[in-house]
Amino acid sequence: MYCLGLAAAVAMMSPAAGTNEIRPGTISVVAGDGPNTPAAVASLYADAVGQALLRTRFFVLPNPSHSRYVATVEVIRTPRGVVVSNGRQSPAAPALSNGGGGLSFGLASNKTQLRGLVETRLKISISLRSDSHVAWTGQAITVRATGTKGGDPYDVVAALSDALLSRFPYQQQEPLTIP
């Protein structure tokens, strides 16, 4: 009798008893229907999320009809104005030539550049393929300048998905903001 009661208590406390715990396994990544996102760009975004999912112990499959889970990726990029950046000055560099050696200095440029400021919002929804039940969802957001080292759209989505999925399977109530 005691063993039966203990077994029932353990069964009620196990993750399979009524919770939506996601266990890493096979997953496919598909692009959601984002506004004004070409299919080739949406495919790149899905690839960036797939790379982050590999680091969370999921095995990414190319065909959604063979995976246990399906991750739907939505990326919304919204212009938020412009920022001003100063021109670059090249650092001093030593030089050798047939005539001897020297030191080269770059002159400062007073040119300023205007760069677009873009807000990027990433939403990932992971659902069971068998019944399309959404088991986990998360959002991350950042604002970055275009034309900069960290402002490339693929790099931005990769950084957002890495940050968001590093907290997986924790379910957040608010979007995660990233600098």
N, C-alpha and C. Protein backbone atom coordinates (compact mmCIF):
# COMPACT_ATOMS: atom_id res chain seq x y z
N MET A 1 0.82 -1.19 0.00
CA MET A 1 0.00 0.00 0.00
C MET A 1 0.87 1.25 0.00
N TYR A 2 1.94 1.21 0.84
CA TYR A 2 2.83 2.37 0.93
C TYR A 2 3.52 2.62 -0.41
N CYS A 3 3.95 1.54 -1.09
CA CYS A 3 4.63 1.67 -2.38
C CYS A 3 3.70 2.23 -3.43
N LEU A 4 2.43 1.84 -3.41
CA LEU A 4 1.46 2.34 -4.37
C LEU A 4 1.22 3.84 -4.18
N GLY A 5 1.13 4.28 -2.93
CA GLY A 5 0.95 5.70 -2.65
C GLY A 5 2.17 6.51 -3.05
N LEU A 6 3.37 5.97 -2.81
CA LEU A 6 4.60 6.65 -3.19
C LEU A 6 4.71 6.75 -4.71
N ALA A 7 4.34 5.70 -5.41
CA ALA A 7 4.39 5.71 -6.87
C ALA A 7 3.42 6.74 -7.44
N ALA A 8 2.25 6.87 -6.84
CA ALA A 8 1.27 7.86 -7.30
C ALA A 8 1.77 9.27 -7.06
N ALA A 9 2.42 9.50 -5.92
CA ALA A 9 2.96 10.83 -5.62
C ALA A 9 4.09 11.19 -6.58
N VAL A 10 4.95 10.24 -6.89
CA VAL A 10 6.04 10.51 -7.83
C VAL A 10 5.48 10.78 -9.21
N ALA A 11 4.46 10.05 -9.62
CA ALA A 11 3.85 10.26 -10.94
C ALA A 11 3.22 11.64 -11.04
N MET A 12 2.63 12.13 -9.95
CA MET A 12 2.02 13.46 -9.97
C MET A 12 3.08 14.54 -10.01
N MET A 13 4.27 14.31 -9.49
CA MET A 13 5.32 15.31 -9.48
C MET A 13 6.18 15.26 -10.74
N SER A 14 6.09 14.24 -11.53
CA SER A 14 6.93 14.11 -12.72
C SER A 14 6.50 15.13 -13.77
N PRO A 15 7.43 15.57 -14.61
CA PRO A 15 7.11 16.57 -15.62
C PRO A 15 6.05 16.14 -16.60
N ALA A 16 5.90 14.84 -16.84
CA ALA A 16 4.91 14.39 -17.82
C ALA A 16 3.49 14.50 -17.30
N ALA A 17 3.32 14.74 -16.03
CA ALA A 17 1.98 14.78 -15.45
C ALA A 17 1.39 16.18 -15.53
N GLY A 18 0.87 16.54 -16.72
CA GLY A 18 0.10 17.75 -16.83
C GLY A 18 0.88 19.04 -17.11
N THR A 19 2.18 19.00 -17.33
CA THR A 19 2.90 20.22 -17.66
C THR A 19 3.29 20.21 -19.12
N ASN A 20 3.69 21.34 -19.63
CA ASN A 20 4.08 21.45 -21.03
C ASN A 20 5.59 21.51 -21.16
N GLU A 21 6.30 20.72 -20.41
CA GLU A 21 7.76 20.74 -20.48
C GLU A 21 8.21 20.24 -21.84
N ILE A 22 9.14 20.98 -22.41
CA ILE A 22 9.70 20.59 -23.70
C ILE A 22 11.02 19.89 -23.45
N ARG A 23 11.15 18.72 -24.01
CA ARG A 23 12.41 17.99 -23.92
C ARG A 23 13.10 18.12 -25.27
N PRO A 24 14.36 18.55 -25.30
CA PRO A 24 15.04 18.67 -26.58
C PRO A 24 14.96 17.38 -27.38
N GLY A 25 14.78 17.54 -28.66
CA GLY A 25 14.67 16.42 -29.58
C GLY A 25 14.78 16.97 -30.99
N THR A 26 14.04 16.39 -31.91
CA THR A 26 14.07 16.88 -33.29
C THR A 26 13.15 18.08 -33.44
N ILE A 27 13.60 19.04 -34.23
CA ILE A 27 12.83 20.26 -34.44
C ILE A 27 13.09 20.77 -35.85
N SER A 28 12.10 21.36 -36.44
CA SER A 28 12.24 22.03 -37.74
C SER A 28 11.96 23.50 -37.53
N VAL A 29 12.62 24.34 -38.30
CA VAL A 29 12.46 25.78 -38.18
C VAL A 29 11.81 26.29 -39.45
N VAL A 30 10.70 26.99 -39.29
CA VAL A 30 9.99 27.56 -40.43
C VAL A 30 9.82 29.06 -40.21
N ALA A 31 9.80 29.78 -41.31
CA ALA A 31 9.60 31.22 -41.24
C ALA A 31 8.11 31.52 -41.12
N GLY A 32 7.77 32.42 -40.22
CA GLY A 32 6.39 32.85 -40.08
C GLY A 32 6.04 33.84 -41.18
N ASP A 33 4.81 34.25 -41.21
CA ASP A 33 4.35 35.20 -42.22
C ASP A 33 4.60 36.62 -41.75
N GLY A 34 5.86 37.05 -41.83
CA GLY A 34 6.22 38.40 -41.43
C GLY A 34 5.85 39.40 -42.52
N PRO A 35 5.49 40.61 -42.11
CA PRO A 35 5.13 41.62 -43.11
C PRO A 35 6.36 42.09 -43.88
N ASN A 36 6.23 42.08 -45.20
CA ASN A 36 7.27 42.61 -46.10
C ASN A 36 8.63 41.94 -45.95
N THR A 37 8.66 40.65 -45.64
CA THR A 37 9.93 39.92 -45.54
C THR A 37 10.02 38.96 -46.72
N PRO A 38 10.97 39.19 -47.63
CA PRO A 38 11.13 38.26 -48.76
C PRO A 38 11.47 36.86 -48.26
N ALA A 39 11.10 35.86 -49.05
CA ALA A 39 11.30 34.46 -48.65
C ALA A 39 12.77 34.13 -48.41
N ALA A 40 13.67 34.68 -49.22
CA ALA A 40 15.10 34.40 -49.05
C ALA A 40 15.62 34.96 -47.73
N VAL A 41 15.15 36.14 -47.36
CA VAL A 41 15.57 36.76 -46.10
C VAL A 41 14.98 36.00 -44.93
N ALA A 42 13.72 35.61 -45.02
CA ALA A 42 13.09 34.83 -43.96
C ALA A 42 13.81 33.51 -43.76
N SER A 43 14.31 32.92 -44.83
CA SER A 43 15.06 31.67 -44.74
C SER A 43 16.38 31.89 -43.99
N LEU A 44 17.03 33.03 -44.21
CA LEU A 44 18.26 33.35 -43.47
C LEU A 44 17.97 33.51 -41.98
N TYR A 45 16.88 34.17 -41.65
CA TYR A 45 16.50 34.34 -40.25
C TYR A 45 16.23 32.98 -39.60
N ALA A 46 15.53 32.10 -40.32
CA ALA A 46 15.25 30.76 -39.79
C ALA A 46 16.55 29.99 -39.57
N ASP A 47 17.53 30.18 -40.45
CA ASP A 47 18.83 29.53 -40.30
C ASP A 47 19.54 30.02 -39.04
N ALA A 48 19.48 31.32 -38.77
CA ALA A 48 20.12 31.87 -37.57
C ALA A 48 19.49 31.28 -36.31
N VAL A 49 18.18 31.14 -36.30
CA VAL A 49 17.50 30.54 -35.15
C VAL A 49 17.84 29.06 -35.04
N GLY A 50 17.94 28.37 -36.18
CA GLY A 50 18.32 26.96 -36.17
C GLY A 50 19.69 26.74 -35.56
N GLN A 51 20.64 27.63 -35.84
CA GLN A 51 21.97 27.52 -35.25
C GLN A 51 21.91 27.67 -33.74
N ALA A 52 21.08 28.59 -33.25
CA ALA A 52 20.93 28.77 -31.80
C ALA A 52 20.24 27.56 -31.17
N LEU A 53 19.28 26.96 -31.87
CA LEU A 53 18.60 25.77 -31.34
C LEU A 53 19.56 24.59 -31.21
N LEU A 54 20.53 24.50 -32.10
CA LEU A 54 21.52 23.42 -31.99
C LEU A 54 22.29 23.52 -30.68
N ARG A 55 22.51 24.74 -30.20
CA ARG A 55 23.23 24.94 -28.94
C ARG A 55 22.36 24.64 -27.71
N THR A 56 21.06 24.48 -27.91
CA THR A 56 20.17 24.12 -26.80
C THR A 56 19.80 22.63 -26.86
N ARG A 57 20.59 21.85 -27.52
CA ARG A 57 20.48 20.39 -27.61
C ARG A 57 19.30 19.91 -28.46
N PHE A 58 18.79 20.76 -29.33
CA PHE A 58 17.81 20.30 -30.31
C PHE A 58 18.56 19.81 -31.54
N PHE A 59 17.96 18.89 -32.27
CA PHE A 59 18.52 18.41 -33.53
C PHE A 59 17.61 18.94 -34.63
N VAL A 60 18.14 19.85 -35.45
CA VAL A 60 17.33 20.54 -36.45
C VAL A 60 17.22 19.69 -37.71
N LEU A 61 15.98 19.43 -38.12
CA LEU A 61 15.69 18.69 -39.34
C LEU A 61 15.15 19.65 -40.39
N PRO A 62 15.46 19.43 -41.66
CA PRO A 62 14.99 20.36 -42.69
C PRO A 62 13.51 20.22 -43.03
N ASN A 63 12.91 19.06 -42.79
CA ASN A 63 11.53 18.82 -43.18
C ASN A 63 10.62 18.82 -41.95
N PRO A 64 9.67 19.76 -41.87
CA PRO A 64 8.80 19.82 -40.68
C PRO A 64 7.92 18.58 -40.48
N SER A 65 7.72 17.78 -41.52
CA SER A 65 6.85 16.62 -41.35
C SER A 65 7.53 15.45 -40.66
N HIS A 66 8.84 15.59 -40.34
CA HIS A 66 9.56 14.50 -39.68
C HIS A 66 10.02 14.84 -38.27
N SER A 67 9.81 16.04 -37.82
CA SER A 67 10.33 16.45 -36.51
C SER A 67 9.25 16.36 -35.44
N ARG A 68 9.70 16.32 -34.20
CA ARG A 68 8.77 16.29 -33.08
C ARG A 68 8.18 17.68 -32.83
N TYR A 69 9.03 18.71 -32.97
CA TYR A 69 8.62 20.09 -32.75
C TYR A 69 8.80 20.91 -34.01
N VAL A 70 8.08 22.02 -34.07
CA VAL A 70 8.23 23.00 -35.14
C VAL A 70 8.43 24.36 -34.49
N ALA A 71 9.52 25.04 -34.86
CA ALA A 71 9.78 26.39 -34.37
C ALA A 71 9.40 27.37 -35.47
N THR A 72 8.48 28.26 -35.16
CA THR A 72 8.06 29.28 -36.10
C THR A 72 8.76 30.58 -35.74
N VAL A 73 9.42 31.18 -36.72
CA VAL A 73 10.23 32.38 -36.51
C VAL A 73 9.57 33.57 -37.19
N GLU A 74 9.36 34.63 -36.42
CA GLU A 74 8.84 35.87 -36.97
C GLU A 74 9.82 36.99 -36.64
N VAL A 75 10.22 37.74 -37.66
CA VAL A 75 11.13 38.87 -37.48
C VAL A 75 10.45 40.11 -38.05
N ILE A 76 10.38 41.13 -37.22
CA ILE A 76 9.81 42.41 -37.65
C ILE A 76 10.87 43.48 -37.46
N ARG A 77 11.22 44.13 -38.57
CA ARG A 77 12.22 45.22 -38.53
C ARG A 77 11.48 46.53 -38.79
N THR A 78 11.65 47.49 -37.86
CA THR A 78 10.96 48.77 -37.95
C THR A 78 11.96 49.91 -37.87
N PRO A 79 11.99 50.82 -38.86
CA PRO A 79 12.89 51.98 -38.77
C PRO A 79 12.49 52.88 -37.60
N ARG A 80 13.50 53.37 -36.88
CA ARG A 80 13.25 54.22 -35.71
C ARG A 80 14.01 55.54 -35.77
N GLY A 81 14.41 55.98 -36.96
CA GLY A 81 15.11 57.25 -37.08
C GLY A 81 16.52 57.06 -37.56
N VAL A 82 17.35 58.10 -37.34
CA VAL A 82 18.75 58.06 -37.76
C VAL A 82 19.65 58.48 -36.62
N VAL A 83 20.90 58.04 -36.70
CA VAL A 83 21.92 58.46 -35.75
C VAL A 83 23.10 58.99 -36.55
N VAL A 84 23.89 59.84 -35.92
CA VAL A 84 25.06 60.42 -36.55
C VAL A 84 26.30 59.74 -36.00
N SER A 85 27.21 59.37 -36.90
CA SER A 85 28.49 58.81 -36.46
C SER A 85 29.61 59.60 -37.11
N ASN A 86 30.72 59.74 -36.39
CA ASN A 86 31.87 60.47 -36.91
C ASN A 86 32.64 59.61 -37.88
N GLY A 87 33.42 60.27 -38.76
CA GLY A 87 34.27 59.55 -39.69
C GLY A 87 35.39 58.84 -38.94
N ARG A 88 36.02 57.88 -39.58
CA ARG A 88 37.08 57.11 -38.94
C ARG A 88 38.44 57.76 -39.19
N GLN A 89 39.32 57.56 -38.23
CA GLN A 89 40.70 57.98 -38.38
C GLN A 89 41.55 56.73 -38.34
N SER A 90 42.40 56.54 -39.37
CA SER A 90 43.22 55.34 -39.39
C SER A 90 44.36 55.50 -38.38
N PRO A 91 44.73 54.43 -37.70
CA PRO A 91 45.80 54.52 -36.70
C PRO A 91 47.17 54.67 -37.37
N ALA A 92 48.15 55.10 -36.59
CA ALA A 92 49.52 55.22 -37.11
C ALA A 92 50.03 53.84 -37.46
N ALA A 93 50.75 53.74 -38.60
CA ALA A 93 51.26 52.45 -39.04
C ALA A 93 52.68 52.61 -39.55
N PRO A 94 53.61 51.75 -39.08
CA PRO A 94 54.97 51.81 -39.61
C PRO A 94 55.01 51.26 -41.04
N ALA A 95 55.93 51.78 -41.84
CA ALA A 95 56.03 51.32 -43.23
C ALA A 95 57.50 51.21 -43.62
N LEU A 96 57.83 50.22 -44.41
CA LEU A 96 59.17 50.04 -44.96
C LEU A 96 59.08 50.07 -46.48
N SER A 97 60.03 50.70 -47.12
CA SER A 97 60.08 50.70 -48.57
C SER A 97 61.53 50.66 -49.00
N ASN A 98 61.79 50.69 -50.31
CA ASN A 98 63.17 50.67 -50.83
C ASN A 98 63.95 51.90 -50.39
N GLY A 99 63.27 52.97 -50.16
CA GLY A 99 63.92 54.21 -49.79
C GLY A 99 64.15 54.35 -48.30
N GLY A 100 63.73 53.39 -47.50
CA GLY A 100 63.89 53.48 -46.05
C GLY A 100 62.58 53.19 -45.34
N GLY A 101 62.52 53.62 -44.11
CA GLY A 101 61.32 53.37 -43.31
C GLY A 101 60.61 54.67 -43.00
N GLY A 102 59.46 54.55 -42.44
CA GLY A 102 58.70 55.74 -42.09
C GLY A 102 57.51 55.39 -41.24
N LEU A 103 56.79 56.40 -40.90
CA LEU A 103 55.60 56.23 -40.08
C LEU A 103 54.46 56.93 -40.80
N SER A 104 53.38 56.25 -40.97
CA SER A 104 52.23 56.79 -41.67
C SER A 104 51.15 57.16 -40.67
N PHE A 105 50.62 58.37 -40.80
CA PHE A 105 49.53 58.83 -39.94
C PHE A 105 48.31 59.11 -40.80
N GLY A 106 47.17 58.67 -40.33
CA GLY A 106 45.93 59.00 -41.02
C GLY A 106 45.42 60.33 -40.50
N LEU A 107 44.88 61.11 -41.40
CA LEU A 107 44.30 62.38 -41.00
C LEU A 107 42.84 62.17 -40.63
N ALA A 108 42.41 62.86 -39.62
CA ALA A 108 41.04 62.74 -39.16
C ALA A 108 40.10 63.31 -40.21
N SER A 109 39.02 62.67 -40.41
CA SER A 109 38.01 63.15 -41.33
C SER A 109 36.90 63.80 -40.52
N ASN A 110 36.50 64.96 -40.94
CA ASN A 110 35.41 65.63 -40.23
C ASN A 110 34.05 65.26 -40.81
N LYS A 111 34.04 64.27 -41.68
CA LYS A 111 32.79 63.85 -42.28
C LYS A 111 31.96 63.08 -41.26
N THR A 112 30.71 63.36 -41.23
CA THR A 112 29.80 62.59 -40.39
C THR A 112 28.91 61.76 -41.30
N GLN A 113 28.49 60.65 -40.77
CA GLN A 113 27.62 59.76 -41.53
C GLN A 113 26.30 59.60 -40.80
N LEU A 114 25.25 59.55 -41.57
CA LEU A 114 23.93 59.26 -41.01
C LEU A 114 23.66 57.78 -41.21
N ARG A 115 23.27 57.13 -40.15
CA ARG A 115 22.96 55.69 -40.22
C ARG A 115 21.54 55.49 -39.72
N GLY A 116 20.84 54.59 -40.38
CA GLY A 116 19.48 54.27 -39.97
C GLY A 116 19.46 53.47 -38.69
N LEU A 117 18.54 53.80 -37.83
CA LEU A 117 18.35 53.08 -36.58
C LEU A 117 17.15 52.15 -36.78
N VAL A 118 17.36 50.85 -36.58
CA VAL A 118 16.31 49.87 -36.86
C VAL A 118 16.04 49.04 -35.61
N GLU A 119 14.75 48.96 -35.26
CA GLU A 119 14.31 48.08 -34.17
C GLU A 119 14.02 46.72 -34.78
N THR A 120 14.61 45.67 -34.21
CA THR A 120 14.37 44.31 -34.68
C THR A 120 13.73 43.52 -33.55
N ARG A 121 12.58 42.92 -33.85
CA ARG A 121 11.85 42.11 -32.88
C ARG A 121 11.79 40.68 -33.41
N LEU A 122 12.25 39.74 -32.58
CA LEU A 122 12.25 38.32 -32.93
C LEU A 122 11.27 37.60 -32.04
N LYS A 123 10.42 36.81 -32.65
CA LYS A 123 9.48 35.97 -31.89
C LYS A 123 9.67 34.53 -32.35
N ILE A 124 9.87 33.64 -31.38
CA ILE A 124 10.01 32.21 -31.66
C ILE A 124 8.90 31.49 -30.92
N SER A 125 8.15 30.67 -31.65
CA SER A 125 7.11 29.83 -31.05
C SER A 125 7.44 28.38 -31.35
N ILE A 126 7.52 27.57 -30.32
CA ILE A 126 7.81 26.14 -30.49
C ILE A 126 6.53 25.37 -30.19
N SER A 127 6.10 24.58 -31.17
CA SER A 127 4.87 23.81 -31.01
C SER A 127 5.13 22.35 -31.33
N LEU A 128 4.27 21.51 -30.79
CA LEU A 128 4.32 20.09 -31.11
C LEU A 128 3.79 19.90 -32.52
N ARG A 129 4.50 19.16 -33.33
CA ARG A 129 4.05 18.94 -34.70
C ARG A 129 2.77 18.12 -34.73
N SER A 130 2.62 17.21 -33.79
CA SER A 130 1.48 16.30 -33.81
C SER A 130 0.13 17.01 -33.66
N ASP A 131 0.06 18.01 -32.80
CA ASP A 131 -1.24 18.68 -32.58
C ASP A 131 -1.17 20.21 -32.69
N SER A 132 -0.03 20.75 -33.07
CA SER A 132 0.18 22.19 -33.23
C SER A 132 -0.01 22.99 -31.95
N HIS A 133 0.04 22.31 -30.81
CA HIS A 133 -0.07 22.99 -29.52
C HIS A 133 1.21 23.77 -29.24
N VAL A 134 1.09 25.08 -29.01
CA VAL A 134 2.27 25.90 -28.72
C VAL A 134 2.73 25.60 -27.30
N ALA A 135 3.94 25.07 -27.18
CA ALA A 135 4.47 24.66 -25.89
C ALA A 135 5.40 25.71 -25.28
N TRP A 136 5.99 26.57 -26.12
CA TRP A 136 6.90 27.60 -25.62
C TRP A 136 6.92 28.74 -26.62
N THR A 137 6.99 29.95 -26.11
CA THR A 137 7.15 31.11 -26.96
C THR A 137 8.03 32.14 -26.26
N GLY A 138 8.79 32.86 -27.04
CA GLY A 138 9.66 33.88 -26.49
C GLY A 138 9.89 34.99 -27.49
N GLN A 139 10.17 36.19 -26.96
CA GLN A 139 10.44 37.34 -27.82
C GLN A 139 11.67 38.07 -27.32
N ALA A 140 12.42 38.62 -28.27
CA ALA A 140 13.59 39.45 -27.96
C ALA A 140 13.58 40.65 -28.89
N ILE A 141 14.13 41.76 -28.40
CA ILE A 141 14.10 43.00 -29.16
C ILE A 141 15.41 43.76 -28.98
N THR A 142 15.84 44.43 -30.04
CA THR A 142 17.02 45.29 -29.97
C THR A 142 16.86 46.42 -30.96
N VAL A 143 17.64 47.48 -30.76
CA VAL A 143 17.69 48.59 -31.70
C VAL A 143 19.16 48.82 -32.03
N ARG A 144 19.49 48.76 -33.33
CA ARG A 144 20.89 48.91 -33.76
C ARG A 144 20.95 49.75 -35.02
N ALA A 145 22.12 50.33 -35.24
CA ALA A 145 22.36 51.16 -36.42
C ALA A 145 22.72 50.28 -37.61
N THR A 146 22.17 50.59 -38.77
CA THR A 146 22.50 49.85 -39.98
C THR A 146 23.87 50.28 -40.48
N GLY A 147 24.50 49.42 -41.24
CA GLY A 147 25.80 49.73 -41.81
C GLY A 147 26.94 49.69 -40.82
N THR A 148 26.71 49.08 -39.66
CA THR A 148 27.75 48.94 -38.64
C THR A 148 28.08 47.47 -38.48
N LYS A 149 29.12 47.21 -37.71
CA LYS A 149 29.57 45.83 -37.50
C LYS A 149 28.46 44.96 -36.89
N GLY A 150 27.73 45.47 -35.92
CA GLY A 150 26.68 44.69 -35.27
C GLY A 150 25.30 44.93 -35.84
N GLY A 151 25.18 45.70 -36.92
CA GLY A 151 23.87 46.05 -37.45
C GLY A 151 23.41 45.25 -38.64
N ASP A 152 24.19 44.26 -39.08
CA ASP A 152 23.78 43.41 -40.19
C ASP A 152 22.55 42.60 -39.77
N PRO A 153 21.50 42.57 -40.59
CA PRO A 153 20.26 41.89 -40.17
C PRO A 153 20.44 40.44 -39.72
N TYR A 154 21.26 39.65 -40.43
CA TYR A 154 21.49 38.26 -40.02
C TYR A 154 22.17 38.21 -38.66
N ASP A 155 23.19 39.06 -38.45
CA ASP A 155 23.90 39.09 -37.17
C ASP A 155 22.99 39.52 -36.03
N VAL A 156 22.09 40.45 -36.31
CA VAL A 156 21.15 40.91 -35.28
C VAL A 156 20.22 39.77 -34.87
N VAL A 157 19.67 39.06 -35.85
CA VAL A 157 18.77 37.94 -35.54
C VAL A 157 19.53 36.83 -34.84
N ALA A 158 20.77 36.58 -35.23
CA ALA A 158 21.58 35.56 -34.55
C ALA A 158 21.81 35.94 -33.09
N ALA A 159 22.11 37.22 -32.83
CA ALA A 159 22.33 37.67 -31.45
C ALA A 159 21.05 37.58 -30.63
N LEU A 160 19.93 37.96 -31.23
CA LEU A 160 18.64 37.88 -30.52
C LEU A 160 18.28 36.43 -30.21
N SER A 161 18.45 35.54 -31.17
CA SER A 161 18.08 34.14 -30.93
C SER A 161 19.02 33.48 -29.93
N ASP A 162 20.32 33.81 -29.96
CA ASP A 162 21.25 33.27 -28.96
C ASP A 162 20.84 33.71 -27.56
N ALA A 163 20.54 35.00 -27.40
CA ALA A 163 20.17 35.52 -26.09
C ALA A 163 18.84 34.92 -25.61
N LEU A 164 17.88 34.85 -26.50
CA LEU A 164 16.56 34.33 -26.13
C LEU A 164 16.61 32.84 -25.79
N LEU A 165 17.29 32.06 -26.61
CA LEU A 165 17.32 30.62 -26.38
C LEU A 165 18.31 30.21 -25.30
N SER A 166 19.17 31.13 -24.86
CA SER A 166 20.04 30.81 -23.72
C SER A 166 19.21 30.72 -22.44
N ARG A 167 18.02 31.27 -22.44
CA ARG A 167 17.11 31.21 -21.29
C ARG A 167 16.07 30.11 -21.42
N PHE A 168 16.12 29.35 -22.51
CA PHE A 168 15.18 28.27 -22.75
C PHE A 168 15.35 27.19 -21.70
N PRO A 169 14.33 26.62 -21.13
CA PRO A 169 12.91 26.68 -21.44
C PRO A 169 12.12 27.68 -20.58
N TYR A 170 12.83 28.58 -19.90
CA TYR A 170 12.15 29.57 -19.07
C TYR A 170 11.18 30.38 -19.92
N GLN A 171 9.95 30.49 -19.48
CA GLN A 171 8.91 31.23 -20.19
C GLN A 171 8.85 32.66 -19.67
N GLN A 172 9.19 33.62 -20.51
CA GLN A 172 9.19 35.02 -20.12
C GLN A 172 7.83 35.65 -20.38
N GLN A 173 7.47 36.61 -19.56
CA GLN A 173 6.21 37.32 -19.76
C GLN A 173 6.39 38.53 -20.68
N GLU A 174 7.57 39.16 -20.61
CA GLU A 174 7.88 40.35 -21.40
C GLU A 174 8.98 40.03 -22.39
N PRO A 175 9.07 40.78 -23.50
CA PRO A 175 10.18 40.56 -24.43
C PRO A 175 11.52 40.85 -23.78
N LEU A 176 12.51 40.08 -24.13
CA LEU A 176 13.88 40.26 -23.65
C LEU A 176 14.50 41.38 -24.47
N THR A 177 15.08 42.38 -23.81
CA THR A 177 15.73 43.48 -24.52
C THR A 177 17.24 43.28 -24.47
N ILE A 178 17.87 43.51 -25.63
CA ILE A 178 19.30 43.29 -25.77
C ILE A 178 19.92 44.58 -26.31
N PRO A 179 21.08 44.98 -25.79
CA PRO A 179 21.72 46.19 -26.33
C PRO A 179 22.23 45.98 -27.74
